[in-house]
Amino acid sequence: MSGWSVYIALWGAAALAGMLATWAFRALAPRLGSLDRPQSEGHKTHARSVPVTGGIAMFLAWAGILGGGLALAAFGGAASWLPERVAESLPGVRNAMPQLLWILGGGAALAAMGALDDRRPMKAWMKFLGQAVVCGLVAAFGGVRVTLFIHNPAATWAITTLGFLFIVNALNFLDNMDALAGGIVAIAAFFFAVVAGVREQYFVTALAAVTCGVACGFLVFNRPPASIFMGDAGSQFLGFLLGVLGALTTFYKPGTPTHAPVLIPLLILAVPIFDLFAVVLIRTRLGKPVYVGDNRHISHRFAKMGLGRPLSVLSVLLLVFASGVGAVTLLWLPPLGAVLVFLQASAILGVVSILHVFGKAE
């Protein structure tokens, strides 16, 4: 098996696991009392009670696939039945095991905290404090750091922790329509997998492939009209994983035409990040708390233009995809090409800005 065949196999296994886990937890939700009831919050407009256990299902599927990989690395090193490419990568998996356990622990903590919030909403400051503690610990002890050519450990820890918090909440804010947050995660994880694969970072590519897979499996039941939601458990867990993938991937290495690749994660996640900035600014100008949900996101603007929710979600996902395609090309482009990519990204965000300023809000 080639390297890419292994990653595709991991994606397929994760998608199947995510689909089965989501199906199972959709059936269990009423017994667990985990239902998102209509009008439970002002910005929620769904017409019926919907299971909100998708996040826990995705976490368990993700952890199960990675746990199987860790078991294989620990006990199957000499197994002759393994494909040669897989056997060659097992020592690297063993070396990455401490780091993966920290990532696993951080994901579990955020998923559990989100599940509690789905059952009984937490105060905003408590949720943010919990996120900060988890993200800070993973950045401090998990070997997950954003460096940006900075060699001060305290500075890189702060940048990494703040980056994690920002992405977790950006995805949480955009989890407002069926298939939107899950689709963003699937697309973003796909691009992180491509970049890490090109850079021959086998562990990161596998992690991204599994993340993309569980999101795709969840989308089978979350596509409009959704029969299950991911809830805060899912948006916090998946947002954390996107932050981890952005921090672990090596975007720049000697010989790259420009330093522009360090901005690849910002371009891959440009739309959710920009939407978060815009919504916070709008709520601040209106004198409303930034943490209280409303219907002023880019997806809502598309819907008010008459597209309807499914087409609004598709429009946002196409913007995310377009930005991600441009981001990946930075690995090879000379300075002029990099400038053109940033101009393209600016045009995409310009469209988002126009809709935020002039589009109708519910």
Protein backbone atom coordinates (compact mmCIF):
# COMPACT_ATOMS: atom_id res chain seq x y z
CA MET A 1 0.00 0.00 0.00
CA SER A 2 1.21 3.50 -0.81
CA GLY A 3 1.14 6.24 1.80
CA TRP A 4 -1.93 7.86 0.30
CA SER A 5 -3.71 4.49 0.17
CA VAL A 6 -3.17 4.14 3.92
CA TYR A 7 -4.61 7.60 4.54
CA ILE A 8 -7.63 6.86 2.36
CA ALA A 9 -8.16 3.61 4.25
CA LEU A 10 -7.98 5.51 7.55
CA TRP A 11 -10.47 8.04 6.24
CA GLY A 12 -12.84 5.25 5.18
CA ALA A 13 -12.58 3.45 8.51
CA ALA A 14 -13.16 6.71 10.40
CA ALA A 15 -16.14 7.63 8.19
CA LEU A 16 -17.72 4.23 8.80
CA ALA A 17 -17.05 4.45 12.54
CA GLY A 18 -18.42 8.00 12.66
CA MET A 19 -21.56 6.99 10.78
CA LEU A 20 -22.25 3.97 13.00
CA ALA A 21 -21.55 5.86 16.21
CA THR A 22 -23.78 8.75 15.13
CA TRP A 23 -26.58 6.32 14.23
CA ALA A 24 -26.27 4.62 17.63
CA PHE A 25 -26.19 7.84 19.65
CA ARG A 26 -29.08 9.28 17.69
CA ALA A 27 -31.17 6.36 18.97
CA LEU A 28 -29.79 6.69 22.52
CA ALA A 29 -30.34 10.44 22.84
CA PRO A 30 -33.94 10.34 24.14
CA ARG A 31 -32.94 7.87 26.86
CA LEU A 32 -30.00 10.07 27.81
CA GLY A 33 -32.18 13.17 27.85
CA SER A 34 -29.89 14.80 25.28
CA LEU A 35 -32.36 16.60 23.04
CA ASP A 36 -32.16 20.10 21.62
CA ARG A 37 -35.69 21.40 22.07
CA PRO A 38 -37.28 24.07 19.82
CA GLN A 39 -36.85 27.69 20.96
CA SER A 40 -34.66 26.63 23.90
CA GLU A 41 -32.56 29.67 22.97
CA GLY A 42 -33.55 32.76 21.02
CA HIS A 43 -31.46 31.99 17.92
CA LYS A 44 -32.66 28.38 17.58
CA THR A 45 -35.46 27.96 15.05
CA HIS A 46 -35.75 24.20 14.44
CA ALA A 47 -39.30 22.90 14.63
CA ARG A 48 -38.84 19.66 16.59
CA SER A 49 -36.65 18.17 19.30
CA VAL A 50 -33.43 16.84 17.80
CA PRO A 51 -30.80 14.58 19.42
CA VAL A 52 -27.69 16.57 20.33
CA THR A 53 -25.31 13.65 20.86
CA GLY A 54 -23.39 13.86 17.57
CA GLY A 55 -20.31 15.35 19.21
CA ILE A 56 -19.92 12.49 21.67
CA ALA A 57 -20.48 10.00 18.83
CA MET A 58 -17.73 11.61 16.74
CA PHE A 59 -15.33 11.73 19.66
CA LEU A 60 -15.81 8.05 20.45
CA ALA A 61 -15.40 7.09 16.78
CA TRP A 62 -12.26 9.23 16.48
CA ALA A 63 -10.81 7.87 19.72
CA GLY A 64 -11.66 4.30 18.70
CA ILE A 65 -9.82 4.54 15.40
CA LEU A 66 -6.78 6.18 16.97
CA GLY A 67 -6.88 3.75 19.89
CA GLY A 68 -6.78 0.90 17.40
CA GLY A 69 -3.76 2.51 15.76
CA LEU A 70 -1.99 2.85 19.11
CA ALA A 71 -2.73 -0.79 19.95
CA LEU A 72 -1.37 -1.83 16.56
CA ALA A 73 1.76 0.22 17.15
CA ALA A 74 2.26 -1.26 20.59
CA PHE A 75 1.57 -4.93 19.85
CA GLY A 76 1.70 -5.46 16.10
CA GLY A 77 5.17 -4.24 15.26
CA ALA A 78 6.43 -7.52 13.89
CA ALA A 79 3.20 -8.73 12.34
CA SER A 80 3.97 -10.10 8.87
CA TRP A 81 0.37 -9.56 7.69
CA LEU A 82 0.64 -5.78 7.87
CA PRO A 83 1.16 -3.85 4.61
CA GLU A 84 4.79 -2.80 4.29
CA ARG A 85 3.98 0.92 4.39
CA VAL A 86 1.99 0.52 7.60
CA ALA A 87 4.69 -1.58 9.27
CA GLU A 88 7.31 1.03 8.39
CA SER A 89 5.28 3.79 10.05
CA LEU A 90 4.66 2.00 13.36
CA PRO A 91 7.89 3.16 15.07
CA GLY A 92 6.88 6.75 14.32
CA VAL A 93 3.45 6.13 15.84
CA ARG A 94 5.11 4.82 19.01
CA ASN A 95 7.28 7.94 19.23
CA ALA A 96 4.22 10.17 18.83
CA MET A 97 2.20 8.25 21.44
CA PRO A 98 2.76 10.69 24.37
CA GLN A 99 1.73 13.61 22.18
CA LEU A 100 -1.33 11.75 20.90
CA LEU A 101 -2.40 10.91 24.45
CA TRP A 102 -2.34 14.60 25.36
CA ILE A 103 -4.39 15.42 22.26
CA LEU A 104 -6.78 12.60 23.12
CA GLY A 105 -7.11 13.88 26.68
CA GLY A 106 -7.72 17.44 25.54
CA GLY A 107 -10.35 16.33 23.05
CA ALA A 108 -12.06 14.17 25.69
CA ALA A 109 -12.15 17.04 28.19
CA LEU A 110 -13.64 19.50 25.70
CA ALA A 111 -16.17 16.97 24.42
CA ALA A 112 -17.25 16.15 27.99
CA MET A 113 -17.53 19.82 28.93
CA GLY A 114 -19.53 20.49 25.77
CA ALA A 115 -21.85 17.56 26.51
CA LEU A 116 -22.55 19.01 29.96
CA ASP A 117 -23.26 22.38 28.38
CA ASP A 118 -25.64 20.72 25.91
CA ARG A 119 -27.59 19.23 28.82
CA ARG A 120 -27.57 22.33 31.01
CA PRO A 121 -26.09 25.54 29.55
CA MET A 122 -23.03 26.79 31.42
CA LYS A 123 -22.22 30.41 32.09
CA ALA A 124 -20.08 31.83 29.31
CA TRP A 125 -17.14 32.65 31.58
CA MET A 126 -17.09 29.13 33.01
CA LYS A 127 -17.07 27.58 29.55
CA PHE A 128 -14.32 29.89 28.34
CA LEU A 129 -12.25 29.23 31.46
CA GLY A 130 -12.57 25.48 30.95
CA GLN A 131 -11.53 25.81 27.32
CA ALA A 132 -8.54 27.94 28.32
CA VAL A 133 -7.36 25.44 30.92
CA VAL A 134 -7.59 22.47 28.54
CA CYS A 135 -5.97 24.29 25.61
CA GLY A 136 -3.27 25.75 27.83
CA LEU A 137 -2.34 22.35 29.27
CA VAL A 138 -2.14 20.69 25.84
CA ALA A 139 0.00 23.58 24.54
CA ALA A 140 2.27 23.40 27.61
CA PHE A 141 2.78 19.65 27.93
CA GLY A 142 1.52 18.03 24.72
CA GLY A 143 4.28 19.14 22.39
CA VAL A 144 1.77 21.06 20.26
CA ARG A 145 3.11 24.54 19.53
CA VAL A 146 2.76 27.27 16.92
CA THR A 147 6.22 28.84 16.57
CA LEU A 148 6.03 31.39 13.70
CA PHE A 149 9.84 31.64 13.86
CA ILE A 150 9.58 32.76 17.51
CA HIS A 151 11.93 31.05 19.97
CA ASN A 152 10.47 32.32 23.24
CA PRO A 153 8.63 29.39 24.92
CA ALA A 154 6.23 31.65 26.84
CA ALA A 155 5.29 33.53 23.67
CA THR A 156 4.73 30.37 21.62
CA TRP A 157 2.64 28.88 24.44
CA ALA A 158 0.45 31.99 24.56
CA ILE A 159 0.07 32.11 20.75
CA THR A 160 -0.86 28.43 20.62
CA THR A 161 -3.36 28.62 23.48
CA LEU A 162 -5.05 31.72 22.06
CA GLY A 163 -5.13 30.13 18.61
CA PHE A 164 -6.84 27.03 19.96
CA LEU A 165 -9.40 29.13 21.83
CA PHE A 166 -10.11 31.23 18.78
CA ILE A 167 -10.71 28.28 16.46
CA VAL A 168 -12.81 26.38 19.03
CA ASN A 169 -15.13 29.35 19.41
CA ALA A 170 -15.15 30.23 15.70
CA LEU A 171 -16.49 26.76 14.90
CA ASN A 172 -18.90 26.90 17.83
CA PHE A 173 -20.31 30.19 16.55
CA LEU A 174 -20.78 28.82 13.02
CA ASP A 175 -22.58 25.67 14.17
CA ASN A 176 -25.91 27.28 13.30
CA MET A 177 -27.28 25.29 10.34
CA ASP A 178 -27.50 21.64 9.34
CA ALA A 179 -24.20 20.32 7.92
CA LEU A 180 -22.41 23.68 8.23
CA ALA A 181 -19.89 23.08 11.03
CA GLY A 182 -19.42 19.43 10.06
CA GLY A 183 -18.83 20.41 6.44
CA ILE A 184 -16.29 23.06 7.41
CA VAL A 185 -14.38 20.53 9.53
CA ALA A 186 -14.40 17.92 6.75
CA ILE A 187 -13.06 20.43 4.18
CA ALA A 188 -10.47 21.97 6.51
CA ALA A 189 -9.20 18.59 7.74
CA PHE A 190 -8.93 17.44 4.11
CA PHE A 191 -6.67 20.38 3.26
CA PHE A 192 -4.56 19.86 6.39
CA ALA A 193 -4.16 16.21 5.35
CA VAL A 194 -3.02 17.24 1.86
CA VAL A 195 -0.45 19.71 3.20
CA ALA A 196 0.87 17.32 5.86
CA GLY A 197 1.02 14.51 3.30
CA VAL A 198 3.04 16.65 0.88
CA ARG A 199 5.39 17.50 3.78
CA GLU A 200 5.64 13.75 4.57
CA GLN A 201 4.31 14.19 8.11
CA TYR A 202 2.74 10.77 8.40
CA PHE A 203 1.35 11.14 11.93
CA VAL A 204 -0.31 14.51 11.19
CA THR A 205 -1.71 13.28 7.88
CA ALA A 206 -3.24 10.26 9.59
CA LEU A 207 -4.71 12.47 12.32
CA ALA A 208 -6.24 14.79 9.70
CA ALA A 209 -7.60 11.87 7.67
CA VAL A 210 -9.34 10.41 10.73
CA THR A 211 -10.75 13.82 11.68
CA CYS A 212 -12.09 14.32 8.16
CA GLY A 213 -13.54 10.80 8.18
CA VAL A 214 -15.53 11.08 11.40
CA ALA A 215 -16.93 14.45 10.25
CA CYS A 216 -18.04 12.87 6.95
CA GLY A 217 -19.67 9.97 8.78
CA PHE A 218 -21.57 12.40 10.99
CA LEU A 219 -22.75 14.38 7.96
CA VAL A 220 -24.70 11.34 6.73
CA PHE A 221 -27.23 12.11 9.49
CA ASN A 222 -26.60 15.85 9.83
CA ARG A 223 -27.37 16.79 6.22
CA PRO A 224 -30.54 18.88 5.85
CA PRO A 225 -32.94 18.15 7.39
CA ALA A 226 -30.65 16.98 10.20
CA SER A 227 -31.77 14.13 12.42
CA ILE A 228 -28.95 14.82 14.91
CA PHE A 229 -26.85 17.83 15.97
CA MET A 230 -23.20 17.84 17.07
CA GLY A 231 -23.85 20.27 19.93
CA ASP A 232 -21.14 22.06 21.88
CA ALA A 233 -19.51 18.68 22.49
CA GLY A 234 -18.85 18.37 18.78
CA SER A 235 -17.98 21.97 17.94
CA GLN A 236 -15.52 22.26 20.84
CA PHE A 237 -13.91 18.90 20.16
CA LEU A 238 -13.64 19.39 16.39
CA GLY A 239 -12.52 23.01 16.72
CA PHE A 240 -9.77 21.83 19.04
CA LEU A 241 -8.68 19.21 16.50
CA LEU A 242 -8.48 21.83 13.75
CA GLY A 243 -6.30 23.95 16.02
CA VAL A 244 -4.06 20.96 16.74
CA LEU A 245 -3.73 20.14 13.04
CA GLY A 246 -2.82 23.74 12.27
CA ALA A 247 -0.18 23.74 15.01
CA LEU A 248 1.36 20.34 14.17
CA THR A 249 1.62 20.71 10.40
CA THR A 250 4.95 21.96 9.05
CA PHE A 251 3.95 24.59 6.52
CA TYR A 252 7.37 26.13 5.86
CA LYS A 253 10.67 24.36 5.42
CA PRO A 254 14.00 25.49 3.92
CA GLY A 255 13.77 25.65 0.15
CA THR A 256 10.16 26.84 0.06
CA PRO A 257 9.95 29.85 -2.32
CA THR A 258 8.44 32.18 0.33
CA HIS A 259 7.50 32.29 4.01
CA ALA A 260 3.85 32.61 2.99
CA PRO A 261 3.02 28.93 3.79
CA VAL A 262 2.98 29.78 7.52
CA LEU A 263 -0.33 31.52 6.77
CA ILE A 264 -1.91 28.41 5.23
CA PRO A 265 -3.98 27.56 8.34
CA LEU A 266 -5.36 31.10 8.43
CA LEU A 267 -6.46 30.79 4.80
CA ILE A 268 -7.94 27.31 5.27
CA LEU A 269 -10.00 28.64 8.19
CA ALA A 270 -10.41 32.18 6.82
CA VAL A 271 -14.20 32.11 6.50
CA PRO A 272 -15.05 30.89 10.05
CA ILE A 273 -12.37 33.15 11.56
CA PHE A 274 -13.60 36.20 9.66
CA ASP A 275 -17.22 35.42 10.49
CA LEU A 276 -16.34 35.29 14.19
CA PHE A 277 -14.65 38.70 14.00
CA ALA A 278 -17.61 40.17 12.11
CA VAL A 279 -20.27 38.80 14.45
CA VAL A 280 -18.40 39.93 17.56
CA LEU A 281 -18.02 43.41 16.07
CA ILE A 282 -21.72 43.58 15.14
CA ARG A 283 -22.85 42.43 18.59
CA THR A 284 -20.51 44.91 20.26
CA ARG A 285 -21.82 47.80 18.15
CA LEU A 286 -25.38 46.82 19.01
CA GLY A 287 -24.54 46.67 22.71
CA LYS A 288 -25.27 42.94 22.95
CA PRO A 289 -23.15 40.31 24.74
CA VAL A 290 -20.73 38.71 22.28
CA TYR A 291 -21.40 35.23 23.70
CA VAL A 292 -25.19 35.26 23.15
CA GLY A 293 -26.15 33.56 19.88
CA ASP A 294 -28.10 35.37 17.19
CA ASN A 295 -28.94 35.11 13.49
CA ARG A 296 -26.32 37.48 12.09
CA HIS A 297 -23.79 34.99 10.70
CA ILE A 298 -22.84 34.78 7.03
CA SER A 299 -25.01 31.67 6.68
CA HIS A 300 -28.04 33.59 7.94
CA ARG A 301 -27.33 36.43 5.50
CA PHE A 302 -27.39 33.98 2.59
CA ALA A 303 -30.68 32.52 3.86
CA LYS A 304 -32.30 35.95 4.11
CA MET A 305 -31.31 36.60 0.50
CA GLY A 306 -33.71 33.81 -0.43
CA LEU A 307 -31.29 30.92 -0.92
CA GLY A 308 -32.84 28.78 1.79
CA ARG A 309 -30.79 26.98 4.41
CA PRO A 310 -29.36 24.09 2.36
CA LEU A 311 -28.10 26.41 -0.40
CA SER A 312 -26.83 28.87 2.20
CA VAL A 313 -24.75 26.11 3.79
CA LEU A 314 -23.48 25.00 0.38
CA SER A 315 -22.49 28.59 -0.44
CA VAL A 316 -20.45 28.94 2.75
CA LEU A 317 -18.77 25.57 2.20
CA LEU A 318 -17.83 26.56 -1.35
CA LEU A 319 -16.22 29.73 0.02
CA VAL A 320 -14.27 27.61 2.52
CA PHE A 321 -13.20 25.23 -0.24
CA ALA A 322 -12.10 28.06 -2.54
CA SER A 323 -10.00 29.61 0.22
CA GLY A 324 -8.46 26.24 1.08
CA VAL A 325 -7.48 25.46 -2.52
CA GLY A 326 -5.61 28.75 -2.71
CA ALA A 327 -3.94 28.07 0.63
CA VAL A 328 -2.43 24.75 -0.48
CA THR A 329 -0.80 26.31 -3.56
CA LEU A 330 1.37 28.48 -1.28
CA LEU A 331 3.60 25.43 -0.75
CA TRP A 332 5.05 25.92 -4.24
CA LEU A 333 4.24 29.44 -5.46
CA PRO A 334 6.88 32.17 -5.92
CA PRO A 335 6.27 35.58 -4.30
CA LEU A 336 4.07 36.91 -7.12
CA GLY A 337 1.89 33.80 -7.05
CA ALA A 338 1.54 34.11 -3.26
CA VAL A 339 0.39 37.71 -3.71
CA LEU A 340 -2.29 36.54 -6.15
CA VAL A 341 -3.52 33.94 -3.64
CA PHE A 342 -3.86 36.59 -0.95
CA LEU A 343 -5.73 38.82 -3.39
CA GLN A 344 -8.09 35.90 -4.06
CA ALA A 345 -8.60 35.37 -0.33
CA SER A 346 -9.22 39.09 0.11
CA ALA A 347 -11.88 38.98 -2.60
CA ILE A 348 -13.60 36.05 -0.83
CA LEU A 349 -13.57 37.88 2.48
CA GLY A 350 -14.75 41.00 0.67
CA VAL A 351 -17.89 39.12 -0.39
CA VAL A 352 -18.40 38.02 3.21
CA SER A 353 -17.92 41.63 4.39
CA ILE A 354 -20.49 42.99 1.93
CA LEU A 355 -23.03 40.43 3.07
CA HIS A 356 -22.37 41.21 6.73
CA VAL A 357 -22.73 44.96 6.18
CA PHE A 358 -25.58 45.06 3.68
CA GLY A 359 -27.29 41.66 4.04
CA LYS A 360 -30.48 41.38 6.03
CA ALA A 361 -30.42 39.83 9.48
CA GLU A 362 -33.32 37.98 11.10
